[in-house]
């Protein structure tokens, strides 16, 4: 089994913690959820860079992580506990809030 490798911008990590109270270290844990949902972020993807969401259970809640792939690394862009992400996770896993 290969280890998933992450990359992050330290300034974005600090800003994300300030705005959404989630560190990128914690955000990585969403990828470990066996029921995680990965979805393409159509609103922020471009020809130059595709972006994705990972919805995964972390700390009793559903965490939404915005990310992209760069050189076989998962580059974290942002993360937070948002209602929309929880709804997607529950719908995809056939759960009822």
PDB file of N, CA and C in Angstrom:
ATOM      1  N   UNK A   1       0.849  -1.188   0.000  1.00  0.00           N
ATOM      2  CA  UNK A   1       0.000   0.000   0.000  1.00  0.00           C
ATOM      3  C   UNK A   1       0.889   1.245   0.000  1.00  0.00           C
ATOM      4  N   UNK A   2       0.600   2.185  -0.887  1.00  0.00           N
ATOM      5  CA  UNK A   2       1.411   3.394  -0.964  1.00  0.00           C
ATOM      6  C   UNK A   2       0.884   4.457  -0.013  1.00  0.00           C
ATOM      7  N   UNK A   3       1.789   5.255   0.458  1.00  0.00           N
ATOM      8  CA  UNK A   3       1.452   6.350   1.380  1.00  0.00           C
ATOM      9  C   UNK A   3       0.983   7.552   0.566  1.00  0.00           C
ATOM     10  N   UNK A   4      -0.138   8.131   0.948  1.00  0.00           N
ATOM     11  CA  UNK A   4      -0.615   9.348   0.300  1.00  0.00           C
ATOM     12  C   UNK A   4       0.233  10.507   0.793  1.00  0.00           C
ATOM     13  N   UNK A   5       0.705  11.322  -0.139  1.00  0.00           N
ATOM     14  CA  UNK A   5       1.553  12.451   0.243  1.00  0.00           C
ATOM     15  C   UNK A   5       0.822  13.754  -0.022  1.00  0.00           C
ATOM     16  N   UNK A   6       0.969  14.661   0.936  1.00  0.00           N
ATOM     17  CA  UNK A   6       0.282  15.942   0.875  1.00  0.00           C
ATOM     18  C   UNK A   6       1.285  17.080   0.798  1.00  0.00           C
ATOM     19  N   UNK A   7       0.812  18.186   0.245  1.00  0.00           N
ATOM     20  CA  UNK A   7       1.605  19.402   0.143  1.00  0.00           C
ATOM     21  C   UNK A   7       0.670  20.545   0.520  1.00  0.00           C
ATOM     22  N   UNK A   8       1.230  21.563   1.181  1.00  0.00           N
ATOM     23  CA  UNK A   8       0.392  22.703   1.544  1.00  0.00           C
ATOM     24  C   UNK A   8       1.224  23.977   1.591  1.00  0.00           C
ATOM     25  N   UNK A   9       0.543  25.059   1.381  1.00  0.00           N
ATOM     26  CA  UNK A   9       1.120  26.390   1.489  1.00  0.00           C
ATOM     27  C   UNK A   9       0.907  26.822   2.942  1.00  0.00           C
ATOM     28  N   UNK A  10       1.992  27.110   3.641  1.00  0.00           N
ATOM     29  CA  UNK A  10       1.896  27.443   5.072  1.00  0.00           C
ATOM     30  C   UNK A  10       1.035  28.690   5.312  1.00  0.00           C
ATOM     31  N   UNK A  11       1.118  29.684   4.429  1.00  0.00           N
ATOM     32  CA  UNK A  11       0.307  30.895   4.594  1.00  0.00           C
ATOM     33  C   UNK A  11      -1.184  30.573   4.451  1.00  0.00           C
ATOM     34  N   UNK A  12      -1.512  29.708   3.477  1.00  0.00           N
ATOM     35  CA  UNK A  12      -2.916  29.310   3.296  1.00  0.00           C
ATOM     36  C   UNK A  12      -3.393  28.492   4.488  1.00  0.00           C
ATOM     37  N   UNK A  13      -2.507  27.682   5.049  1.00  0.00           N
ATOM     38  CA  UNK A  13      -2.855  26.877   6.224  1.00  0.00           C
ATOM     39  C   UNK A  13      -3.221  27.796   7.391  1.00  0.00           C
ATOM     40  N   UNK A  14      -2.401  28.797   7.653  1.00  0.00           N
ATOM     41  CA  UNK A  14      -2.657  29.744   8.741  1.00  0.00           C
ATOM     42  C   UNK A  14      -3.955  30.507   8.481  1.00  0.00           C
ATOM     43  N   UNK A  15      -4.153  30.947   7.250  1.00  0.00           N
ATOM     44  CA  UNK A  15      -5.372  31.678   6.893  1.00  0.00           C
ATOM     45  C   UNK A  15      -6.603  30.786   7.053  1.00  0.00           C
ATOM     46  N   UNK A  16      -6.494  29.515   6.645  1.00  0.00           N
ATOM     47  CA  UNK A  16      -7.612  28.590   6.776  1.00  0.00           C
ATOM     48  C   UNK A  16      -7.956  28.361   8.247  1.00  0.00           C
ATOM     49  N   UNK A  17      -6.932  28.246   9.087  1.00  0.00           N
ATOM     50  CA  UNK A  17      -7.172  28.071  10.520  1.00  0.00           C
ATOM     51  C   UNK A  17      -7.879  29.290  11.100  1.00  0.00           C
ATOM     52  N   UNK A  18      -7.480  30.475  10.655  1.00  0.00           N
ATOM     53  CA  UNK A  18      -8.101  31.703  11.142  1.00  0.00           C
ATOM     54  C   UNK A  18      -9.561  31.807  10.704  1.00  0.00           C
ATOM     55  N   UNK A  19      -9.816  31.496   9.435  1.00  0.00           N
ATOM     56  CA  UNK A  19     -11.161  31.663   8.879  1.00  0.00           C
ATOM     57  C   UNK A  19     -12.115  30.518   9.203  1.00  0.00           C
ATOM     58  N   UNK A  20     -11.594  29.269   9.190  1.00  0.00           N
ATOM     59  CA  UNK A  20     -12.481  28.104   9.297  1.00  0.00           C
ATOM     60  C   UNK A  20     -12.171  27.197  10.482  1.00  0.00           C
ATOM     61  N   UNK A  21     -11.145  27.550  11.247  1.00  0.00           N
ATOM     62  CA  UNK A  21     -10.777  26.808  12.463  1.00  0.00           C
ATOM     63  C   UNK A  21     -10.399  25.356  12.184  1.00  0.00           C
ATOM     64  N   UNK A  22      -9.768  25.127  11.024  1.00  0.00           N
ATOM     65  CA  UNK A  22      -9.314  23.784  10.657  1.00  0.00           C
ATOM     66  C   UNK A  22      -7.902  23.899  10.093  1.00  0.00           C
ATOM     67  N   UNK A  23      -6.971  23.130  10.652  1.00  0.00           N
ATOM     68  CA  UNK A  23      -5.610  23.102  10.110  1.00  0.00           C
ATOM     69  C   UNK A  23      -5.552  22.119   8.944  1.00  0.00           C
ATOM     70  N   UNK A  24      -4.588  22.302   8.070  1.00  0.00           N
ATOM     71  CA  UNK A  24      -4.424  21.373   6.960  1.00  0.00           C
ATOM     72  C   UNK A  24      -3.971  20.004   7.464  1.00  0.00           C
ATOM     73  N   UNK A  25      -3.318  19.963   8.615  1.00  0.00           N
ATOM     74  CA  UNK A  25      -2.938  18.682   9.228  1.00  0.00           C
ATOM     75  C   UNK A  25      -4.203  17.875   9.541  1.00  0.00           C
ATOM     76  N   UNK A  26      -5.201  18.523  10.119  1.00  0.00           N
ATOM     77  CA  UNK A  26      -6.481  17.868  10.407  1.00  0.00           C
ATOM     78  C   UNK A  26      -7.205  17.540   9.098  1.00  0.00           C
ATOM     79  N   UNK A  27      -7.144  18.444   8.130  1.00  0.00           N
ATOM     80  CA  UNK A  27      -7.837  18.241   6.848  1.00  0.00           C
ATOM     81  C   UNK A  27      -7.390  16.952   6.152  1.00  0.00           C
ATOM     82  N   UNK A  28      -6.133  16.590   6.306  1.00  0.00           N
ATOM     83  CA  UNK A  28      -5.625  15.368   5.676  1.00  0.00           C
ATOM     84  C   UNK A  28      -6.384  14.138   6.148  1.00  0.00           C
ATOM     85  N   UNK A  29      -6.921  14.189   7.343  1.00  0.00           N
ATOM     86  CA  UNK A  29      -7.618  13.040   7.916  1.00  0.00           C
ATOM     87  C   UNK A  29      -8.894  12.690   7.138  1.00  0.00           C
ATOM     88  N   UNK A  30      -9.468  13.635   6.418  1.00  0.00           N
ATOM     89  CA  UNK A  30     -10.673  13.361   5.625  1.00  0.00           C
ATOM     90  C   UNK A  30     -10.403  12.293   4.572  1.00  0.00           C
ATOM     91  N   UNK A  31      -9.178  12.244   4.066  1.00  0.00           N
ATOM     92  CA  UNK A  31      -8.825  11.284   3.026  1.00  0.00           C
ATOM     93  C   UNK A  31      -8.740   9.855   3.575  1.00  0.00           C
ATOM     94  N   UNK A  32      -8.620   9.715   4.893  1.00  0.00           N
ATOM     95  CA  UNK A  32      -8.517   8.396   5.522  1.00  0.00           C
ATOM     96  C   UNK A  32      -9.880   7.756   5.768  1.00  0.00           C
ATOM     97  N   UNK A  33     -10.955   8.527   5.639  1.00  0.00           N
ATOM     98  CA  UNK A  33     -12.304   7.989   5.847  1.00  0.00           C
ATOM     99  C   UNK A  33     -12.609   7.003   4.716  1.00  0.00           C
ATOM    100  N   UNK A  34     -12.897   5.735   5.037  1.00  0.00           N
ATOM    101  CA  UNK A  34     -13.185   4.771   3.976  1.00  0.00           C
ATOM    102  C   UNK A  34     -14.458   5.100   3.189  1.00  0.00           C
ATOM    103  N   UNK A  35     -15.303   5.971   3.727  1.00  0.00           N
ATOM    104  CA  UNK A  35     -16.545   6.361   3.055  1.00  0.00           C
ATOM    105  C   UNK A  35     -16.441   7.761   2.433  1.00  0.00           C
ATOM    106  N   UNK A  36     -15.213   8.289   2.347  1.00  0.00           N
ATOM    107  CA  UNK A  36     -15.032   9.641   1.786  1.00  0.00           C
ATOM    108  C   UNK A  36     -15.611   9.717   0.381  1.00  0.00           C
ATOM    109  N   UNK A  37     -15.962  10.923  -0.005  1.00  0.00           N
ATOM    110  CA  UNK A  37     -16.498  11.177  -1.338  1.00  0.00           C
ATOM    111  C   UNK A  37     -15.567  12.184  -2.008  1.00  0.00           C
ATOM    112  N   UNK A  38     -15.132  11.868  -3.224  1.00  0.00           N
ATOM    113  CA  UNK A  38     -14.295  12.784  -4.007  1.00  0.00           C
ATOM    114  C   UNK A  38     -15.149  13.287  -5.166  1.00  0.00           C
ATOM    115  N   UNK A  39     -15.175  14.595  -5.353  1.00  0.00           N
ATOM    116  CA  UNK A  39     -15.978  15.196  -6.427  1.00  0.00           C
ATOM    117  C   UNK A  39     -15.174  16.297  -7.104  1.00  0.00           C
ATOM    118  N   UNK A  40     -15.362  16.445  -8.377  1.00  0.00           N
ATOM    119  CA  UNK A  40     -14.697  17.509  -9.130  1.00  0.00           C
ATOM    120  C   UNK A  40     -15.329  18.843  -8.751  1.00  0.00           C
ATOM    121  N   UNK A  41     -14.493  19.859  -8.557  1.00  0.00           N
ATOM    122  CA  UNK A  41     -14.958  21.217  -8.251  1.00  0.00           C
ATOM    123  C   UNK A  41     -15.078  21.971  -9.572  1.00  0.00           C
ATOM    124  N   UNK A  42     -16.263  21.932 -10.149  1.00  0.00           N
ATOM    125  CA  UNK A  42     -16.471  22.544 -11.459  1.00  0.00           C
ATOM    126  C   UNK A  42     -16.352  24.061 -11.413  1.00  0.00           C
ATOM    127  N   UNK A  43     -16.683  24.655 -10.288  1.00  0.00           N
ATOM    128  CA  UNK A  43     -16.650  26.109 -10.167  1.00  0.00           C
ATOM    129  C   UNK A  43     -15.257  26.710 -10.095  1.00  0.00           C
ATOM    130  N   UNK A  44     -14.273  25.930  -9.629  1.00  0.00           N
ATOM    131  CA  UNK A  44     -12.925  26.466  -9.467  1.00  0.00           C
ATOM    132  C   UNK A  44     -11.881  25.784 -10.349  1.00  0.00           C
ATOM    133  N   UNK A  45     -12.281  24.769 -11.108  1.00  0.00           N
ATOM    134  CA  UNK A  45     -11.342  24.104 -12.012  1.00  0.00           C
ATOM    135  C   UNK A  45     -11.120  24.965 -13.243  1.00  0.00           C
ATOM    136  N   UNK A  46      -9.938  24.808 -13.831  1.00  0.00           N
ATOM    137  CA  UNK A  46      -9.624  25.513 -15.070  1.00  0.00           C
ATOM    138  C   UNK A  46      -8.875  24.547 -15.981  1.00  0.00           C
ATOM    139  N   UNK A  47      -8.585  24.993 -17.202  1.00  0.00           N
ATOM    140  CA  UNK A  47      -7.795  24.144 -18.096  1.00  0.00           C
ATOM    141  C   UNK A  47      -6.412  23.900 -17.507  1.00  0.00           C
ATOM    142  N   UNK A  48      -5.894  24.866 -16.784  1.00  0.00           N
ATOM    143  CA  UNK A  48      -4.551  24.754 -16.207  1.00  0.00           C
ATOM    144  C   UNK A  48      -4.525  23.835 -14.988  1.00  0.00           C
ATOM    145  N   UNK A  49      -5.632  23.800 -14.229  1.00  0.00           N
ATOM    146  CA  UNK A  49      -5.623  23.014 -12.992  1.00  0.00           C
ATOM    147  C   UNK A  49      -7.026  22.551 -12.629  1.00  0.00           C
ATOM    148  N   UNK A  50      -7.190  21.235 -12.514  1.00  0.00           N
ATOM    149  CA  UNK A  50      -8.453  20.686 -12.037  1.00  0.00           C
ATOM    150  C   UNK A  50      -8.445  20.693 -10.521  1.00  0.00           C
ATOM    151  N   UNK A  51      -9.572  21.040  -9.940  1.00  0.00           N
ATOM    152  CA  UNK A  51      -9.702  21.032  -8.481  1.00  0.00           C
ATOM    153  C   UNK A  51     -10.802  20.066  -8.075  1.00  0.00           C
ATOM    154  N   UNK A  52     -10.678  19.582  -6.839  1.00  0.00           N
ATOM    155  CA  UNK A  52     -11.579  18.559  -6.338  1.00  0.00           C
ATOM    156  C   UNK A  52     -11.968  18.852  -4.904  1.00  0.00           C
ATOM    157  N   UNK A  53     -13.039  18.196  -4.473  1.00  0.00           N
ATOM    158  CA  UNK A  53     -13.449  18.209  -3.079  1.00  0.00           C
ATOM    159  C   UNK A  53     -13.290  16.803  -2.529  1.00  0.00           C
ATOM    160  N   UNK A  54     -12.881  16.709  -1.280  1.00  0.00           N
ATOM    161  CA  UNK A  54     -12.936  15.464  -0.525  1.00  0.00           C
ATOM    162  C   UNK A  54     -13.857  15.730   0.653  1.00  0.00           C
ATOM    163  N   UNK A  55     -14.905  14.923   0.769  1.00  0.00           N
ATOM    164  CA  UNK A  55     -15.821  15.014   1.898  1.00  0.00           C
ATOM    165  C   UNK A  55     -15.562  13.787   2.761  1.00  0.00           C
ATOM    166  N   UNK A  56     -15.121  13.980   3.994  1.00  0.00           N
ATOM    167  CA  UNK A  56     -14.817  12.846   4.855  1.00  0.00           C
ATOM    168  C   UNK A  56     -15.097  13.148   6.316  1.00  0.00           C
ATOM    169  N   UNK A  57     -15.377  12.096   7.057  1.00  0.00           N
ATOM    170  CA  UNK A  57     -15.690  12.242   8.481  1.00  0.00           C
ATOM    171  C   UNK A  57     -14.400  12.449   9.261  1.00  0.00           C
ATOM    172  N   UNK A  58     -14.369  13.539  10.038  1.00  0.00           N
ATOM    173  CA  UNK A  58     -13.219  13.879  10.881  1.00  0.00           C
ATOM    174  C   UNK A  58     -13.757  14.491  12.167  1.00  0.00           C
ATOM    175  N   UNK A  59     -13.383  13.931  13.284  1.00  0.00           N
ATOM    176  CA  UNK A  59     -13.750  14.513  14.572  1.00  0.00           C
ATOM    177  C   UNK A  59     -15.237  14.646  14.811  1.00  0.00           C
ATOM    178  N   UNK A  60     -16.020  13.712  14.346  1.00  0.00           N
ATOM    179  CA  UNK A  60     -17.461  13.748  14.601  1.00  0.00           C
ATOM    180  C   UNK A  60     -18.256  14.572  13.613  1.00  0.00           C
ATOM    181  N   UNK A  61     -17.585  15.221  12.673  1.00  0.00           N
ATOM    182  CA  UNK A  61     -18.279  16.006  11.659  1.00  0.00           C
ATOM    183  C   UNK A  61     -17.811  15.617  10.270  1.00  0.00           C
ATOM    184  N   UNK A  62     -18.435  16.189   9.259  1.00  0.00           N
ATOM    185  CA  UNK A  62     -18.035  15.938   7.878  1.00  0.00           C
ATOM    186  C   UNK A  62     -17.226  17.145   7.408  1.00  0.00           C
ATOM    187  N   UNK A  63     -15.973  16.893   7.088  1.00  0.00           N
ATOM    188  CA  UNK A  63     -15.050  17.943   6.672  1.00  0.00           C
ATOM    189  C   UNK A  63     -14.988  18.001   5.153  1.00  0.00           C
ATOM    190  N   UNK A  64     -15.064  19.198   4.605  1.00  0.00           N
ATOM    191  CA  UNK A  64     -14.914  19.418   3.172  1.00  0.00           C
ATOM    192  C   UNK A  64     -13.511  19.958   2.933  1.00  0.00           C
ATOM    193  N   UNK A  65     -12.760  19.299   2.048  1.00  0.00           N
ATOM    194  CA  UNK A  65     -11.386  19.706   1.739  1.00  0.00           C
ATOM    195  C   UNK A  65     -11.286  19.997   0.251  1.00  0.00           C
ATOM    196  N   UNK A  66     -10.859  21.194  -0.094  1.00  0.00           N
ATOM    197  CA  UNK A  66     -10.613  21.563  -1.484  1.00  0.00           C
ATOM    198  C   UNK A  66      -9.156  21.250  -1.776  1.00  0.00           C
ATOM    199  N   UNK A  67      -8.909  20.552  -2.915  1.00  0.00           N
ATOM    200  CA  UNK A  67      -7.536  20.169  -3.228  1.00  0.00           C
ATOM    201  C   UNK A  67      -7.336  20.019  -4.724  1.00  0.00           C
ATOM    202  N   UNK A  68      -6.077  19.866  -5.107  1.00  0.00           N
ATOM    203  CA  UNK A  68      -5.700  19.570  -6.482  1.00  0.00           C
ATOM    204  C   UNK A  68      -4.546  18.574  -6.437  1.00  0.00           C
ATOM    205  N   UNK A  69      -4.220  18.032  -7.593  1.00  0.00           N
ATOM    206  CA  UNK A  69      -3.059  17.141  -7.686  1.00  0.00           C
ATOM    207  C   UNK A  69      -1.923  17.901  -8.352  1.00  0.00           C
ATOM    208  N   UNK A  70      -0.746  17.847  -7.747  1.00  0.00           N
ATOM    209  CA  UNK A  70       0.448  18.447  -8.341  1.00  0.00           C
ATOM    210  C   UNK A  70       1.613  17.497  -8.151  1.00  0.00           C
ATOM    211  N   UNK A  71       2.163  17.036  -9.263  1.00  0.00           N
ATOM    212  CA  UNK A  71       3.325  16.134  -9.228  1.00  0.00           C
ATOM    213  C   UNK A  71       3.119  14.964  -8.275  1.00  0.00           C
ATOM    214  N   UNK A  72       1.989  14.286  -8.421  1.00  0.00           N
ATOM    215  CA  UNK A  72       1.646  13.104  -7.614  1.00  0.00           C
ATOM    216  C   UNK A  72       1.452  13.404  -6.129  1.00  0.00           C
ATOM    217  N   UNK A  73       1.313  14.671  -5.795  1.00  0.00           N
ATOM    218  CA  UNK A  73       1.018  15.080  -4.420  1.00  0.00           C
ATOM    219  C   UNK A  73      -0.388  15.648  -4.379  1.00  0.00           C
ATOM    220  N   UNK A  74      -1.035  15.516  -3.232  1.00  0.00           N
ATOM    221  CA  UNK A  74      -2.326  16.167  -3.018  1.00  0.00           C
ATOM    222  C   UNK A  74      -2.031  17.516  -2.389  1.00  0.00           C
ATOM    223  N   UNK A  75      -2.303  18.587  -3.130  1.00  0.00           N
ATOM    224  CA  UNK A  75      -2.067  19.943  -2.624  1.00  0.00           C
ATOM    225  C   UNK A  75      -3.356  20.459  -2.014  1.00  0.00           C
ATOM    226  N   UNK A  76      -3.305  20.710  -0.711  1.00  0.00           N
ATOM    227  CA  UNK A  76      -4.468  21.207   0.017  1.00  0.00           C
ATOM    228  C   UNK A  76      -4.640  22.697  -0.241  1.00  0.00           C
ATOM    229  N   UNK A  77      -5.878  23.102  -0.487  1.00  0.00           N
ATOM    230  CA  UNK A  77      -6.179  24.501  -0.812  1.00  0.00           C
ATOM    231  C   UNK A  77      -7.035  25.146   0.270  1.00  0.00           C
ATOM    232  N   UNK A  78      -7.975  24.399   0.819  1.00  0.00           N
ATOM    233  CA  UNK A  78      -8.853  24.932   1.855  1.00  0.00           C
ATOM    234  C   UNK A  78      -9.651  23.809   2.494  1.00  0.00           C
ATOM    235  N   UNK A  79     -10.191  24.070   3.692  1.00  0.00           N
ATOM    236  CA  UNK A  79     -10.975  23.054   4.387  1.00  0.00           C
ATOM    237  C   UNK A  79     -11.881  23.694   5.422  1.00  0.00           C
ATOM    238  N   UNK A  80     -13.028  23.074   5.622  1.00  0.00           N
ATOM    239  CA  UNK A  80     -13.946  23.547   6.640  1.00  0.00           C
ATOM    240  C   UNK A  80     -15.114  22.594   6.816  1.00  0.00           C
ATOM    241  N   UNK A  81     -15.836  22.786   7.899  1.00  0.00           N
ATOM    242  CA  UNK A  81     -17.052  22.013   8.165  1.00  0.00           C
ATOM    243  C   UNK A  81     -18.226  22.809   7.628  1.00  0.00           C
ATOM    244  N   UNK A  82     -18.697  22.451   6.425  1.00  0.00           N
ATOM    245  CA  UNK A  82     -19.768  23.189   5.770  1.00  0.00           C
ATOM    246  C   UNK A  82     -20.959  22.291   5.534  1.00  0.00           C
ATOM    247  N   UNK A  83     -22.150  22.857   5.710  1.00  0.00           N
ATOM    248  CA  UNK A  83     -23.402  22.096   5.555  1.00  0.00           C
ATOM    249  C   UNK A  83     -23.509  21.422   4.187  1.00  0.00           C
ATOM    250  N   UNK A  84     -23.090  22.121   3.140  1.00  0.00           N
ATOM    251  CA  UNK A  84     -23.201  21.573   1.790  1.00  0.00           C
ATOM    252  C   UNK A  84     -22.381  20.282   1.651  1.00  0.00           C
ATOM    253  N   UNK A  85     -21.175  20.275   2.214  1.00  0.00           N
ATOM    254  CA  UNK A  85     -20.330  19.082   2.167  1.00  0.00           C
ATOM    255  C   UNK A  85     -20.948  17.930   2.937  1.00  0.00           C
ATOM    256  N   UNK A  86     -21.541  18.239   4.075  1.00  0.00           N
ATOM    257  CA  UNK A  86     -22.209  17.211   4.891  1.00  0.00           C
ATOM    258  C   UNK A  86     -23.360  16.599   4.105  1.00  0.00           C
ATOM    259  N   UNK A  87     -24.114  17.440   3.395  1.00  0.00           N
ATOM    260  CA  UNK A  87     -25.247  16.951   2.603  1.00  0.00           C
ATOM    261  C   UNK A  87     -24.770  16.027   1.481  1.00  0.00           C
ATOM    262  N   UNK A  88     -23.696  16.390   0.803  1.00  0.00           N
ATOM    263  CA  UNK A  88     -23.153  15.546  -0.273  1.00  0.00           C
ATOM    264  C   UNK A  88     -22.706  14.200   0.297  1.00  0.00           C
ATOM    265  N   UNK A  89     -21.977  14.244   1.403  1.00  0.00           N
ATOM    266  CA  UNK A  89     -21.485  13.018   2.045  1.00  0.00           C
ATOM    267  C   UNK A  89     -22.646  12.100   2.422  1.00  0.00           C
ATOM    268  N   UNK A  90     -23.665  12.664   3.045  1.00  0.00           N
ATOM    269  CA  UNK A  90     -24.810  11.855   3.475  1.00  0.00           C
ATOM    270  C   UNK A  90     -25.577  11.291   2.283  1.00  0.00           C
ATOM    271  N   UNK A  91     -25.722  12.089   1.231  1.00  0.00           N
ATOM    272  CA  UNK A  91     -26.431  11.617   0.039  1.00  0.00           C
ATOM    273  C   UNK A  91     -25.655  10.469  -0.615  1.00  0.00           C
ATOM    274  N   UNK A  92     -24.352  10.636  -0.790  1.00  0.00           N
ATOM    275  CA  UNK A  92     -23.538   9.625  -1.466  1.00  0.00           C
ATOM    276  C   UNK A  92     -23.412   8.335  -0.644  1.00  0.00           C
ATOM    277  N   UNK A  93     -23.500   8.446   0.664  1.00  0.00           N
ATOM    278  CA  UNK A  93     -23.384   7.280   1.539  1.00  0.00           C
ATOM    279  C   UNK A  93     -24.758   6.784   2.012  1.00  0.00           C
ATOM    280  N   UNK A  94     -25.819   7.344   1.424  1.00  0.00           N
ATOM    281  CA  UNK A  94     -27.193   6.935   1.739  1.00  0.00           C
ATOM    282  C   UNK A  94     -27.482   7.020   3.234  1.00  0.00           C
ATOM    283  N   UNK A  95     -27.063   8.144   3.818  1.00  0.00           N
ATOM    284  CA  UNK A  95     -27.317   8.397   5.243  1.00  0.00           C
ATOM    285  C   UNK A  95     -28.397   9.454   5.354  1.00  0.00           C
ATOM    286  N   UNK A  96     -29.034   9.474   6.473  1.00  0.00           N
ATOM    287  CA  UNK A  96     -30.059  10.503   6.718  1.00  0.00           C
ATOM    288  C   UNK A  96     -29.714  11.204   8.008  1.00  0.00           C
ATOM    289  N   UNK A  97     -29.353  12.547   7.861  1.00  0.00           N
ATOM    290  CA  UNK A  97     -28.887  13.417   8.903  1.00  0.00           C
ATOM    291  C   UNK A  97     -29.335  13.140  10.257  1.00  0.00           C
TER     292      UNK A  97
END
